C-alpha atoms as a PDB file:
ATOM      1  CA  MET A   1       1.515  13.216  43.356  1.00  0.00           C
ATOM      2  CA  MET A   2      -0.658  11.454  40.832  1.00  0.00           C
ATOM      3  CA  ILE A   3       1.426   8.296  41.117  1.00  0.00           C
ATOM      4  CA  LEU A   4       1.207   8.387  44.918  1.00  0.00           C
ATOM      5  CA  THR A   5      -2.571   8.801  44.720  1.00  0.00           C
ATOM      6  CA  MET A   6      -2.833   5.813  42.379  1.00  0.00           C
ATOM      7  CA  ILE A   7      -0.695   3.676  44.673  1.00  0.00           C
ATOM      8  CA  ILE A   8      -2.915   4.546  47.633  1.00  0.00           C
ATOM      9  CA  GLU A   9      -6.042   3.725  45.615  1.00  0.00           C
ATOM     10  CA  ILE A  10      -4.620   0.367  44.552  1.00  0.00           C
ATOM     11  CA  LEU A  11      -3.572  -0.553  48.086  1.00  0.00           C
ATOM     12  CA  ALA A  12      -7.015   0.422  49.397  1.00  0.00           C
ATOM     13  CA  ALA A  13      -8.646  -1.659  46.660  1.00  0.00           C
ATOM     14  CA  ILE A  14      -6.487  -4.664  47.564  1.00  0.00           C
ATOM     15  CA  GLY A  15      -7.448  -4.364  51.217  1.00  0.00           C
ATOM     16  CA  ALA A  16     -11.122  -4.015  50.357  1.00  0.00           C
ATOM     17  CA  GLY A  17     -10.859  -7.002  47.998  1.00  0.00           C
ATOM     18  CA  VAL A  18      -9.361  -9.205  50.711  1.00  0.00           C
ATOM     19  CA  LEU A  19     -12.152  -8.255  53.099  1.00  0.00           C
ATOM     20  CA  ALA A  20     -14.831  -8.730  50.425  1.00  0.00           C
ATOM     21  CA  GLY A  21     -13.558 -12.129  49.274  1.00  0.00           C
ATOM     22  CA  ASN A  22     -13.231 -13.582  52.742  1.00  0.00           C
ATOM     23  CA  GLY A  23     -16.399 -11.829  53.905  1.00  0.00           C
ATOM     24  CA  ALA A  24     -18.412 -13.222  51.008  1.00  0.00           C
ATOM     25  CA  VAL A  25     -17.755 -16.789  52.151  1.00  0.00           C
ATOM     26  CA  TYR A  26     -17.901 -16.113  55.879  1.00  0.00           C
ATOM     27  CA  GLY A  27     -20.997 -13.925  55.570  1.00  0.00           C
ATOM     28  CA  PHE A  28     -22.948 -16.393  53.456  1.00  0.00           C
ATOM     29  CA  ASN A  29     -22.049 -19.276  55.752  1.00  0.00           C
ATOM     30  CA  HIS A  30     -23.287 -17.333  58.782  1.00  0.00           C
ATOM     31  CA  ILE A  31     -26.504 -15.882  57.389  1.00  0.00           C
ATOM     32  CA  PRO A  32     -29.362 -16.865  59.747  1.00  0.00           C
ATOM     33  CA  ALA A  33     -31.284 -19.882  58.427  1.00  0.00           C
ATOM     34  CA  GLU A  34     -34.514 -17.882  58.728  1.00  0.00           C
ATOM     35  CA  TRP A  35     -33.350 -15.649  55.885  1.00  0.00           C
ATOM     36  CA  PHE A  36     -33.456 -18.650  53.549  1.00  0.00           C
ATOM     37  CA  THR A  37     -36.878 -19.846  54.702  1.00  0.00           C
ATOM     38  CA  PRO A  38     -39.484 -17.187  53.849  1.00  0.00           C
ATOM     39  CA  ASN A  39     -43.235 -17.804  54.022  1.00  0.00           C
ATOM     40  CA  GLY A  40     -42.913 -20.526  56.658  1.00  0.00           C
ATOM     41  CA  ARG A  41     -40.994 -22.984  54.504  1.00  0.00           C
ATOM     42  CA  ASP A  42     -38.995 -25.779  56.037  1.00  0.00           C
ATOM     43  CA  PRO A  43     -35.255 -25.121  55.688  1.00  0.00           C
ATOM     44  CA  ALA A  44     -32.925 -27.424  53.820  1.00  0.00           C
ATOM     45  CA  GLU A  45     -30.621 -29.577  55.921  1.00  0.00           C
ATOM     46  CA  ASP A  46     -27.464 -27.835  54.726  1.00  0.00           C
ATOM     47  CA  VAL A  47     -28.983 -24.480  55.679  1.00  0.00           C
ATOM     48  CA  MET A  48     -29.554 -25.546  59.267  1.00  0.00           C
ATOM     49  CA  SER A  49     -26.445 -27.707  59.750  1.00  0.00           C
ATOM     50  CA  ARG A  50     -23.553 -26.066  61.570  1.00  0.00           C
ATOM     51  CA  ASP A  51     -21.193 -28.807  60.468  1.00  0.00           C
ATOM     52  CA  ARG A  52     -21.556 -28.083  56.766  1.00  0.00           C
ATOM     53  CA  GLN A  53     -20.407 -24.942  55.001  1.00  0.00           C
ATOM     54  CA  ARG A  54     -22.836 -23.488  52.490  1.00  0.00           C
ATOM     55  CA  ILE A  55     -19.839 -22.212  50.510  1.00  0.00           C
ATOM     56  CA  PRO A  56     -16.634 -24.231  51.105  1.00  0.00           C
ATOM     57  CA  SER A  57     -13.808 -22.043  52.394  1.00  0.00           C
ATOM     58  CA  TYR A  58     -11.369 -23.836  50.109  1.00  0.00           C
ATOM     59  CA  PRO A  59     -10.946 -22.938  47.331  1.00  0.00           C
ATOM     60  CA  TRP A  60     -13.615 -20.214  47.227  1.00  0.00           C
ATOM     61  CA  LYS A  61     -12.018 -17.785  49.696  1.00  0.00           C
ATOM     62  CA  TYR A  62      -8.959 -17.603  47.478  1.00  0.00           C
ATOM     63  CA  ILE A  63     -10.858 -17.461  44.196  1.00  0.00           C
ATOM     64  CA  LEU A  64     -13.254 -14.790  45.396  1.00  0.00           C
ATOM     65  CA  THR A  65     -10.553 -12.751  47.098  1.00  0.00           C
ATOM     66  CA  ALA A  66      -8.492 -12.660  43.897  1.00  0.00           C
ATOM     67  CA  SER A  67     -11.589 -11.780  41.856  1.00  0.00           C
ATOM     68  CA  PHE A  68     -12.689  -8.971  44.160  1.00  0.00           C
ATOM     69  CA  ILE A  69      -9.172  -7.523  44.249  1.00  0.00           C
ATOM     70  CA  VAL A  70      -8.989  -7.363  40.449  1.00  0.00           C
ATOM     71  CA  VAL A  71     -12.470  -5.852  40.147  1.00  0.00           C
ATOM     72  CA  TYR A  72     -11.942  -3.318  42.917  1.00  0.00           C
ATOM     73  CA  ILE A  73      -8.589  -2.177  41.496  1.00  0.00           C
ATOM     74  CA  PHE A  74     -10.177  -1.791  38.064  1.00  0.00           C
ATOM     75  CA  MET A  75     -12.924   0.436  39.483  1.00  0.00           C
ATOM     76  CA  ALA A  76     -10.693   2.359  41.900  1.00  0.00           C
ATOM     77  CA  VAL A  77      -8.259   3.566  39.249  1.00  0.00           C
ATOM     78  CA  ARG A  78     -11.193   4.785  37.162  1.00  0.00           C
ATOM     79  CA  GLY A  79     -12.726   6.706  40.067  1.00  0.00           C
ATOM     80  CA  TRP A  80     -12.549   5.878  43.759  1.00  0.00           C
ATOM     81  CA  LYS A  81     -15.688   7.869  44.611  1.00  0.00           C
ATOM     82  CA  TYR A  82     -17.718   5.657  42.285  1.00  0.00           C
ATOM     83  CA  ALA A  83     -15.861   2.549  43.454  1.00  0.00           C
ATOM     84  CA  ILE A  84     -17.064   2.870  47.062  1.00  0.00           C
ATOM     85  CA  PRO A  85     -20.842   2.379  46.498  1.00  0.00           C
ATOM     86  CA  ALA A  86     -20.109   0.077  43.557  1.00  0.00           C
ATOM     87  CA  ALA A  87     -17.955  -2.226  45.706  1.00  0.00           C
ATOM     88  CA  ILE A  88     -20.723  -2.559  48.303  1.00  0.00           C
ATOM     89  CA  ALA A  89     -23.390  -3.171  45.663  1.00  0.00           C
ATOM     90  CA  ILE A  90     -21.296  -5.838  43.922  1.00  0.00           C
ATOM     91  CA  TRP A  91     -20.721  -7.683  47.196  1.00  0.00           C
ATOM     92  CA  LEU A  92     -24.440  -7.696  48.019  1.00  0.00           C
ATOM     93  CA  LEU A  93     -25.352  -8.766  44.480  1.00  0.00           C
ATOM     94  CA  PHE A  94     -22.945 -11.686  44.769  1.00  0.00           C
ATOM     95  CA  GLU A  95     -24.521 -12.839  48.032  1.00  0.00           C
ATOM     96  CA  LEU A  96     -28.016 -12.497  46.560  1.00  0.00           C
ATOM     97  CA  GLY A  97     -27.061 -14.275  43.338  1.00  0.00           C
ATOM     98  CA  VAL A  98     -25.583 -17.242  45.202  1.00  0.00           C
ATOM     99  CA  SER A  99     -28.605 -17.439  47.501  1.00  0.00           C
ATOM    100  CA  CYS A 100     -31.009 -17.443  44.572  1.00  0.00           C
ATOM    101  CA  GLY A 101     -28.983 -20.014  42.650  1.00  0.00           C
ATOM    102  CA  LYS A 102     -28.304 -22.346  45.565  1.00  0.00           C
ATOM    103  CA  TYR A 103     -31.566 -22.159  47.500  1.00  0.00           C
ATOM    104  CA  ARG A 104     -34.009 -20.403  45.120  1.00  0.00           C
ATOM    105  CA  VAL A 105     -34.523 -17.792  47.837  1.00  0.00           C
ATOM    106  CA  THR A 106     -33.886 -14.036  47.770  1.00  0.00           C
ATOM    107  CA  PRO A 107     -33.293 -12.838  51.357  1.00  0.00           C
ATOM    108  CA  VAL A 108     -35.276  -9.648  51.807  1.00  0.00           C
ATOM    109  CA  GLN A 109     -32.750  -8.370  54.360  1.00  0.00           C
ATOM    110  CA  LEU A 110     -29.982  -8.290  51.759  1.00  0.00           C
ATOM    111  CA  THR A 111     -32.372  -6.797  49.226  1.00  0.00           C
ATOM    112  CA  VAL A 112     -33.113  -3.877  51.547  1.00  0.00           C
ATOM    113  CA  LEU A 113     -29.394  -3.226  52.004  1.00  0.00           C
ATOM    114  CA  LEU A 114     -28.963  -3.282  48.220  1.00  0.00           C
ATOM    115  CA  ALA A 115     -31.736  -0.726  47.839  1.00  0.00           C
ATOM    116  CA  VAL A 116     -29.997   1.565  50.339  1.00  0.00           C
ATOM    117  CA  THR A 117     -26.803   1.499  48.259  1.00  0.00           C
ATOM    118  CA  GLY A 118     -28.843   2.864  45.380  1.00  0.00           C
ATOM    119  CA  PHE A 119     -28.733   6.307  46.986  1.00  0.00           C
ATOM    120  CA  GLY A 120     -24.950   6.265  46.613  1.00  0.00           C
ATOM    121  CA  PHE A 121     -25.368   6.176  42.825  1.00  0.00           C
ATOM    122  CA  ILE A 122     -27.522   9.319  42.580  1.00  0.00           C
ATOM    123  CA  PRO A 123     -24.542  11.525  41.542  1.00  0.00           C
ATOM    124  CA  TYR A 124     -24.061   9.292  38.498  1.00  0.00           C
ATOM    125  CA  HIS A 125     -27.576   9.858  37.163  1.00  0.00           C
ATOM    126  CA  SER A 126     -28.869  12.936  35.397  1.00  0.00           C
ATOM    127  CA  THR A 127     -31.418  13.436  38.183  1.00  0.00           C
ATOM    128  CA  TRP A 128     -32.370  11.704  41.430  1.00  0.00           C
ATOM    129  CA  ARG A 129     -35.682  10.740  39.829  1.00  0.00           C
ATOM    130  CA  MET A 130     -33.811   8.217  37.705  1.00  0.00           C
ATOM    131  CA  ILE A 131     -33.521   5.864  40.681  1.00  0.00           C
ATOM    132  CA  ILE A 132     -37.309   6.002  41.050  1.00  0.00           C
ATOM    133  CA  TRP A 133     -37.854   5.230  37.386  1.00  0.00           C
ATOM    134  CA  GLY A 134     -35.288   2.456  37.573  1.00  0.00           C
ATOM    135  CA  ALA A 135     -37.042   0.887  40.561  1.00  0.00           C
ATOM    136  CA  LEU A 136     -40.399   1.033  38.780  1.00  0.00           C
ATOM    137  CA  ILE A 137     -39.023  -0.530  35.606  1.00  0.00           C
ATOM    138  CA  GLY A 138     -37.077  -3.251  37.422  1.00  0.00           C
ATOM    139  CA  GLY A 139     -39.884  -4.155  39.801  1.00  0.00           C
ATOM    140  CA  GLY A 140     -42.536  -3.865  37.096  1.00  0.00           C
ATOM    141  CA  ALA A 141     -40.655  -6.066  34.637  1.00  0.00           C
ATOM    142  CA  MET A 142     -40.100  -8.804  37.220  1.00  0.00           C
ATOM    143  CA  LEU A 143     -43.736  -8.547  38.316  1.00  0.00           C
ATOM    144  CA  ILE A 144     -44.790  -9.285  34.737  1.00  0.00           C
ATOM    145  CA  VAL A 145     -42.396 -12.251  34.568  1.00  0.00           C
ATOM    146  CA  TRP A 146     -43.674 -13.553  37.903  1.00  0.00           C
ATOM    147  CA  LEU A 147     -47.301 -13.274  36.781  1.00  0.00           C
ATOM    148  CA  ILE A 148     -46.535 -15.075  33.512  1.00  0.00           C
ATOM    149  CA  ILE A 149     -44.835 -17.938  35.355  1.00  0.00           C
ATOM    150  CA  LYS A 150     -47.552 -18.160  37.980  1.00  0.00           C
ATOM    151  CA  PHE A 151     -50.644 -17.913  35.792  1.00  0.00           C
ATOM    152  CA  ALA A 152     -49.751 -18.434  32.122  1.00  0.00           C
ATOM    153  CA  ALA A 153     -47.254 -21.244  32.770  1.00  0.00           C
ATOM    154  CA  ARG A 154     -49.251 -22.409  35.800  1.00  0.00           C
ATOM    155  CA  ARG A 155     -46.163 -22.824  37.932  1.00  0.00           C
ATOM    156  CA  ASP A 156     -46.496 -22.194  41.661  1.00  0.00           C
ATOM    157  CA  THR A 157     -43.782 -19.690  42.551  1.00  0.00           C
ATOM    158  CA  THR A 158     -44.866 -18.896  46.081  1.00  0.00           C
ATOM    159  CA  THR A 159     -45.261 -22.277  47.798  1.00  0.00           C
ATOM    160  CA  ALA A 160     -42.288 -24.564  48.107  1.00  0.00           C
ATOM    161  CA  VAL A 161     -40.884 -27.509  49.993  1.00  0.00           C
ATOM    162  CA  TRP A 162     -37.443 -29.045  50.283  1.00  0.00           C
ATOM    163  CA  ASP A 163     -36.746 -32.481  48.871  1.00  0.00           C
ATOM    164  CA  ARG A 164     -34.015 -34.455  50.705  1.00  0.00           C
ATOM    165  CA  VAL A 165     -32.728 -36.008  47.490  1.00  0.00           C
ATOM    166  CA  SER A 166     -33.034 -33.393  44.779  1.00  0.00           C
ATOM    167  CA  GLY A 167     -33.008 -30.216  46.842  1.00  0.00           C
ATOM    168  CA  PHE A 168     -35.470 -27.424  46.205  1.00  0.00           C
ATOM    169  CA  THR A 169     -38.767 -28.408  44.619  1.00  0.00           C
ATOM    170  CA  ALA A 170     -41.571 -25.986  43.820  1.00  0.00           C
ATOM    171  CA  GLY A 171     -45.031 -26.590  45.183  1.00  0.00           C
ATOM    172  CA  ALA A 172     -48.305 -27.030  43.291  1.00  0.00           C
ATOM    173  CA  GLY A 173     -47.941 -27.756  39.595  1.00  0.00           C
ATOM    174  CA  SER A 174     -44.357 -28.902  39.914  1.00  0.00           C
ATOM    175  CA  LYS A 175     -42.802 -32.317  39.479  1.00  0.00           C
ATOM    176  CA  PRO A 176     -40.327 -33.888  41.934  1.00  0.00           C
ATOM    177  CA  GLY A 177     -36.828 -32.612  41.258  1.00  0.00           C
ATOM    178  CA  ARG A 178     -37.935 -29.810  38.949  1.00  0.00           C
ATOM    179  CA  HIS A 179     -36.723 -26.318  39.784  1.00  0.00           C
ATOM    180  CA  ASP A 180     -38.743 -23.215  39.065  1.00  0.00           C
ATOM    181  CA  PRO A 181     -36.974 -20.015  37.973  1.00  0.00           C
ATOM    182  CA  ILE A 182     -38.123 -17.807  40.861  1.00  0.00           C
ATOM    183  CA  THR A 183     -39.468 -18.592  44.270  1.00  0.00           C
ATOM    184  CA  ASP A 184     -41.570 -15.684  45.461  1.00  0.00           C
ATOM    185  CA  PRO A 185     -42.277 -11.953  45.010  1.00  0.00           C
ATOM    186  CA  ASN A 186     -39.001 -11.111  46.771  1.00  0.00           C
ATOM    187  CA  ASP A 187     -37.394 -11.219  43.330  1.00  0.00           C
ATOM    188  CA  ILE A 188     -39.586  -8.269  42.403  1.00  0.00           C
ATOM    189  CA  ALA A 189     -38.033  -6.289  45.248  1.00  0.00           C
ATOM    190  CA  LEU A 190     -34.575  -7.437  44.128  1.00  0.00           C
ATOM    191  CA  CYS A 191     -35.074  -6.061  40.626  1.00  0.00           C
ATOM    192  CA  ALA A 192     -36.517  -2.840  42.026  1.00  0.00           C
ATOM    193  CA  SER A 193     -33.388  -2.444  44.159  1.00  0.00           C
ATOM    194  CA  ILE A 194     -31.181  -3.052  41.134  1.00  0.00           C
ATOM    195  CA  GLY A 195     -33.228  -0.418  39.322  1.00  0.00           C
ATOM    196  CA  MET A 196     -32.373   2.127  42.011  1.00  0.00           C
ATOM    197  CA  ILE A 197     -28.694   1.557  41.250  1.00  0.00           C
ATOM    198  CA  LEU A 198     -28.738   1.377  37.462  1.00  0.00           C
ATOM    199  CA  GLY A 199     -31.572   3.702  36.542  1.00  0.00           C
ATOM    200  CA  PRO A 200     -34.160   2.900  33.842  1.00  0.00           C
ATOM    201  CA  TYR A 201     -31.852   2.289  30.875  1.00  0.00           C
ATOM    202  CA  GLY A 202     -29.302   0.194  32.731  1.00  0.00           C
ATOM    203  CA  THR A 203     -32.059  -1.785  34.407  1.00  0.00           C
ATOM    204  CA  ALA A 204     -33.712  -2.575  31.088  1.00  0.00           C
ATOM    205  CA  ALA A 205     -30.391  -3.786  29.657  1.00  0.00           C
ATOM    206  CA  VAL A 206     -29.638  -5.953  32.699  1.00  0.00           C
ATOM    207  CA  MET A 207     -33.132  -7.460  32.809  1.00  0.00           C
ATOM    208  CA  ILE A 208     -33.008  -8.395  29.135  1.00  0.00           C
ATOM    209  CA  ALA A 209     -29.507  -9.849  29.460  1.00  0.00           C
ATOM    210  CA  GLY A 210     -30.391 -11.800  32.609  1.00  0.00           C
ATOM    211  CA  VAL A 211     -33.544 -13.345  31.163  1.00  0.00           C
ATOM    212  CA  PHE A 212     -31.842 -14.129  27.848  1.00  0.00           C
ATOM    213  CA  VAL A 213     -28.839 -15.859  29.447  1.00  0.00           C
ATOM    214  CA  SER A 214     -31.118 -17.761  31.834  1.00  0.00           C
ATOM    215  CA  LEU A 215     -33.123 -19.132  28.916  1.00  0.00           C
ATOM    216  CA  ILE A 216     -29.973 -20.038  26.970  1.00  0.00           C
ATOM    217  CA  VAL A 217     -28.446 -21.886  29.928  1.00  0.00           C
ATOM    218  CA  SER A 218     -31.736 -23.656  30.665  1.00  0.00           C
ATOM    219  CA  ALA A 219     -31.938 -24.800  27.037  1.00  0.00           C
ATOM    220  CA  GLY A 220     -28.303 -25.927  27.102  1.00  0.00           C
ATOM    221  CA  PHE A 221     -28.808 -28.022  30.222  1.00  0.00           C
ATOM    222  CA  ARG A 222     -31.954 -29.493  28.751  1.00  0.00           C
ATOM    223  CA  ILE A 223     -30.260 -30.412  25.463  1.00  0.00           C
ATOM    224  CA  SER A 224     -27.390 -32.029  27.335  1.00  0.00           C
ATOM    225  CA  LYS A 225     -29.981 -33.860  29.458  1.00  0.00           C
ATOM    226  CA  LYS A 226     -28.484 -32.547  32.684  1.00  0.00           C
ATOM    227  CA  THR A 227     -31.910 -31.355  33.800  1.00  0.00           C
ATOM    228  CA  MET A 228     -35.427 -32.676  33.427  1.00  0.00           C
ATOM    229  CA  LYS A 229     -38.135 -31.198  31.232  1.00  0.00           C
ATOM    230  CA  GLY A 230     -39.533 -27.987  32.670  1.00  0.00           C
ATOM    231  CA  ASP A 231     -36.488 -27.240  34.816  1.00  0.00           C
ATOM    232  CA  MET A 232     -35.444 -23.600  34.582  1.00  0.00           C
ATOM    233  CA  GLN A 233     -32.515 -21.615  35.874  1.00  0.00           C
ATOM    234  CA  PRO A 234     -33.133 -19.047  38.639  1.00  0.00           C
ATOM    235  CA  LEU A 235     -33.641 -15.665  37.017  1.00  0.00           C
ATOM    236  CA  GLY A 236     -32.356 -13.802  40.054  1.00  0.00           C
ATOM    237  CA  THR A 237     -28.884 -15.326  39.757  1.00  0.00           C
ATOM    238  CA  TYR A 238     -28.402 -14.233  36.154  1.00  0.00           C
ATOM    239  CA  ILE A 239     -29.900 -10.808  36.715  1.00  0.00           C
ATOM    240  CA  CYS A 240     -27.513 -10.265  39.633  1.00  0.00           C
ATOM    241  CA  ALA A 241     -24.590 -11.414  37.478  1.00  0.00           C
ATOM    242  CA  ALA A 242     -25.590  -9.055  34.665  1.00  0.00           C
ATOM    243  CA  ALA A 243     -25.920  -6.183  37.148  1.00  0.00           C
ATOM    244  CA  ILE A 244     -22.418  -6.875  38.497  1.00  0.00           C
ATOM    245  CA  VAL A 245     -20.932  -6.759  34.995  1.00  0.00           C
ATOM    246  CA  TYR A 246     -22.818  -3.551  34.238  1.00  0.00           C
ATOM    247  CA  ILE A 247     -21.677  -1.838  37.442  1.00  0.00           C
ATOM    248  CA  VAL A 248     -18.045  -2.890  36.983  1.00  0.00           C
ATOM    249  CA  LEU A 249     -17.864  -1.716  33.383  1.00  0.00           C
ATOM    250  CA  HIS A 250     -20.031   1.338  34.114  1.00  0.00           C
ATOM    251  CA  ILE A 251     -21.586   1.105  30.662  1.00  0.00           C
ATOM    252  CA  ARG A 252     -22.633   4.597  29.570  1.00  0.00           C
ATOM    253  CA  THR A 253     -24.129   3.478  26.263  1.00  0.00           C
ATOM    254  CA  PHE A 254     -27.464   2.928  28.017  1.00  0.00           C
ATOM    255  CA  GLY A 255     -27.389   6.223  29.919  1.00  0.00           C
ATOM    256  CA  PHE A 256     -25.788   5.187  33.214  1.00  0.00           C
END
């Protein structure tokens, strides 16, 4: 009976992985352009164009499908009840991470859906209040980062335009071709949503890891002269990646 149950779980995970991998590409390519253009910004040409895929179907459908299948099987055999909300959260985090990395925009619509999945993780916290504390810590930490970038570093993180040659360029205080790490306060909502999933301890670990890796990668690109002075990696992308790793491994060392 146990073997039959495991076989069913694996087959279900494979099916979910196929849907998630193909859906990740199809979904991102069909997200309304308005989702990538908050605060009245002008959209990039590849966002509006119907002749150009935001994520190429080949080879990414195959790569992502294989990746989701492996991850979903790994979680399903450890506990299918946990795997259900975790699978949804991972898919949304992937979409958000790609959006932040590619367009420096965090679609609020996807962020709201991510926050809703946080309620599915309540059974895995000591109390339902942990999702509240997690949201406060995640949102509060990103608010501090946003304020530091905006005022201490004097980088405009709320006004932006699109450059035809170099892509996204921040507004006031930015140089042509230079990318700022976050675009607007939507990243605060993103981290609050992640906090609802991970709770306070997991959120703190993910925030620290995301910021640290972002700084390391930014320094590496700068040393290799692949970016110009002042260019920084999008924090949201690395925070989403860290959250995915944390959810998949279900790290209990930090309390979640």
